[in-house]
Every structure is written in structure tokens, then in C-alpha cells.
């Protein structure tokens, strides 16, 4: 099964919330990959954490993830 990125967020906590919400809506996102050193929040650059789903779920999952992220950002402001 091939996976494709749907959204990228700078905050790992937001990425985890998005993953849980996507699962709750029936999508199958990849779990965040740990690949760093202790105390290093992100070895993949300042762009943040990428959330990926199977290719056949990309369109619907992208819409949901963008809406959820917008709600999270609006509420934190």
C-alpha cells in the first residue's frame, strides 16, 4: 500500500491530534515515525511533521485534515 502526504504541521502535538481524528473518521494514517535523538524535536527540518494516508484516501482526508487544523489554529488564537 502506498501512502501520500496530506498535510504538514510544525507542532508534533497537532500532528498526533490530526492522526487520531483521521482514524476516528475511518481513515488509515501512518503513525508518526520516531527517528530522532532524545531532546531533538524534529530531524526533518523546520517545516514540521507530515501526516500521510493511503493514496486512495488522499482527497477526502486532505479536506478533513485542513478543516481540523483550521479549527485548532482558530481556537488557539
C-alpha atoms as a PDB file:
ATOM      1  CA  UNK A   1       0.000   0.000   0.000  1.00  0.00           C
ATOM      2  CA  UNK A   2       1.394   3.391  -0.995  1.00  0.00           C
ATOM      3  CA  UNK A   3       0.987   6.393   1.267  1.00  0.00           C
ATOM      4  CA  UNK A   4       0.911  10.055   0.312  1.00  0.00           C
ATOM      5  CA  UNK A   5       1.308  13.219   2.407  1.00  0.00           C
ATOM      6  CA  UNK A   6      -1.832  15.246   3.042  1.00  0.00           C
ATOM      7  CA  UNK A   7      -0.703  17.957   5.444  1.00  0.00           C
ATOM      8  CA  UNK A   8       2.385  19.203   7.242  1.00  0.00           C
ATOM      9  CA  UNK A   9       2.327  20.848  10.666  1.00  0.00           C
ATOM     10  CA  UNK A  10       5.111  22.307  12.780  1.00  0.00           C
ATOM     11  CA  UNK A  11       3.782  21.027  16.092  1.00  0.00           C
ATOM     12  CA  UNK A  12       4.066  17.297  16.804  1.00  0.00           C
ATOM     13  CA  UNK A  13       1.087  17.507  19.179  1.00  0.00           C
ATOM     14  CA  UNK A  14      -1.111  18.838  16.380  1.00  0.00           C
ATOM     15  CA  UNK A  15       0.097  16.071  14.089  1.00  0.00           C
ATOM     16  CA  UNK A  16      -0.889  13.474  16.686  1.00  0.00           C
ATOM     17  CA  UNK A  17      -4.336  15.047  17.176  1.00  0.00           C
ATOM     18  CA  UNK A  18      -4.875  15.050  13.407  1.00  0.00           C
ATOM     19  CA  UNK A  19      -3.891  11.388  13.198  1.00  0.00           C
ATOM     20  CA  UNK A  20      -6.319  10.407  15.972  1.00  0.00           C
ATOM     21  CA  UNK A  21      -9.123  12.435  14.377  1.00  0.00           C
ATOM     22  CA  UNK A  22      -8.458  10.912  10.952  1.00  0.00           C
ATOM     23  CA  UNK A  23      -8.611   7.422  12.455  1.00  0.00           C
ATOM     24  CA  UNK A  24     -11.868   8.292  14.222  1.00  0.00           C
ATOM     25  CA  UNK A  25     -13.327   9.234  10.833  1.00  0.00           C
ATOM     26  CA  UNK A  26     -12.300   5.918   9.256  1.00  0.00           C
ATOM     27  CA  UNK A  27      -9.045   6.915   7.593  1.00  0.00           C
ATOM     28  CA  UNK A  28      -5.784   5.000   7.977  1.00  0.00           C
ATOM     29  CA  UNK A  29      -2.945   7.478   8.597  1.00  0.00           C
ATOM     30  CA  UNK A  30       0.590   6.355   9.297  1.00  0.00           C
ATOM     31  CA  UNK A  31       1.752   6.657  12.870  1.00  0.00           C
ATOM     32  CA  UNK A  32       4.365   9.364  13.416  1.00  0.00           C
ATOM     33  CA  UNK A  33       7.823   7.976  12.917  1.00  0.00           C
ATOM     34  CA  UNK A  34      10.334   8.413  15.655  1.00  0.00           C
ATOM     35  CA  UNK A  35      13.677   8.931  14.044  1.00  0.00           C
ATOM     36  CA  UNK A  36      15.484  11.430  16.131  1.00  0.00           C
ATOM     37  CA  UNK A  37      17.651  11.792  19.130  1.00  0.00           C
ATOM     38  CA  UNK A  38      16.250  12.353  22.611  1.00  0.00           C
ATOM     39  CA  UNK A  39      15.549  16.043  23.091  1.00  0.00           C
ATOM     40  CA  UNK A  40      15.607  16.811  19.365  1.00  0.00           C
ATOM     41  CA  UNK A  41      12.034  17.593  18.373  1.00  0.00           C
ATOM     42  CA  UNK A  42      12.402  17.217  14.603  1.00  0.00           C
ATOM     43  CA  UNK A  43      15.258  15.991  12.453  1.00  0.00           C
ATOM     44  CA  UNK A  44      13.344  16.543   9.226  1.00  0.00           C
ATOM     45  CA  UNK A  45      13.688  20.308   9.150  1.00  0.00           C
ATOM     46  CA  UNK A  46      11.720  23.345  10.257  1.00  0.00           C
ATOM     47  CA  UNK A  47       8.752  22.508   8.030  1.00  0.00           C
ATOM     48  CA  UNK A  48       7.420  20.101  10.640  1.00  0.00           C
ATOM     49  CA  UNK A  49       5.655  16.780  10.718  1.00  0.00           C
ATOM     50  CA  UNK A  50       3.999  15.203   7.697  1.00  0.00           C
ATOM     51  CA  UNK A  51       0.729  13.301   8.025  1.00  0.00           C
ATOM     52  CA  UNK A  52       0.329  10.542   5.417  1.00  0.00           C
ATOM     53  CA  UNK A  53      -2.625   8.365   4.398  1.00  0.00           C
ATOM     54  CA  UNK A  54      -3.104   5.650   1.761  1.00  0.00           C
ATOM     55  CA  UNK A  55      -3.244   7.098  -1.758  1.00  0.00           C
ATOM     56  CA  UNK A  56      -6.915   6.203  -2.206  1.00  0.00           C
ATOM     57  CA  UNK A  57      -7.861   8.286   0.871  1.00  0.00           C
ATOM     58  CA  UNK A  58      -5.877  11.426  -0.016  1.00  0.00           C
ATOM     59  CA  UNK A  59      -8.676  13.622  -1.378  1.00  0.00           C
ATOM     60  CA  UNK A  60     -11.159  13.155   1.469  1.00  0.00           C
ATOM     61  CA  UNK A  61      -8.538  13.021   4.223  1.00  0.00           C
ATOM     62  CA  UNK A  62      -6.938  16.251   2.992  1.00  0.00           C
ATOM     63  CA  UNK A  63     -10.224  18.142   3.255  1.00  0.00           C
ATOM     64  CA  UNK A  64     -10.829  16.834   6.772  1.00  0.00           C
ATOM     65  CA  UNK A  65      -7.267  17.489   7.950  1.00  0.00           C
ATOM     66  CA  UNK A  66      -7.285  21.061   6.617  1.00  0.00           C
ATOM     67  CA  UNK A  67     -10.619  21.795   8.320  1.00  0.00           C
ATOM     68  CA  UNK A  68      -9.439  20.295  11.610  1.00  0.00           C
ATOM     69  CA  UNK A  69      -6.178  22.215  11.506  1.00  0.00           C
ATOM     70  CA  UNK A  70      -8.015  25.467  10.761  1.00  0.00           C
ATOM     71  CA  UNK A  71     -10.277  24.863  13.769  1.00  0.00           C
ATOM     72  CA  UNK A  72      -7.297  24.095  16.023  1.00  0.00           C
ATOM     73  CA  UNK A  73      -5.425  27.219  14.935  1.00  0.00           C
ATOM     74  CA  UNK A  74      -8.529  29.447  15.248  1.00  0.00           C
ATOM     75  CA  UNK A  75      -9.207  28.203  18.782  1.00  0.00           C
ATOM     76  CA  UNK A  76      -5.634  28.694  19.923  1.00  0.00           C
ATOM     77  CA  UNK A  77      -5.545  32.318  18.734  1.00  0.00           C
END
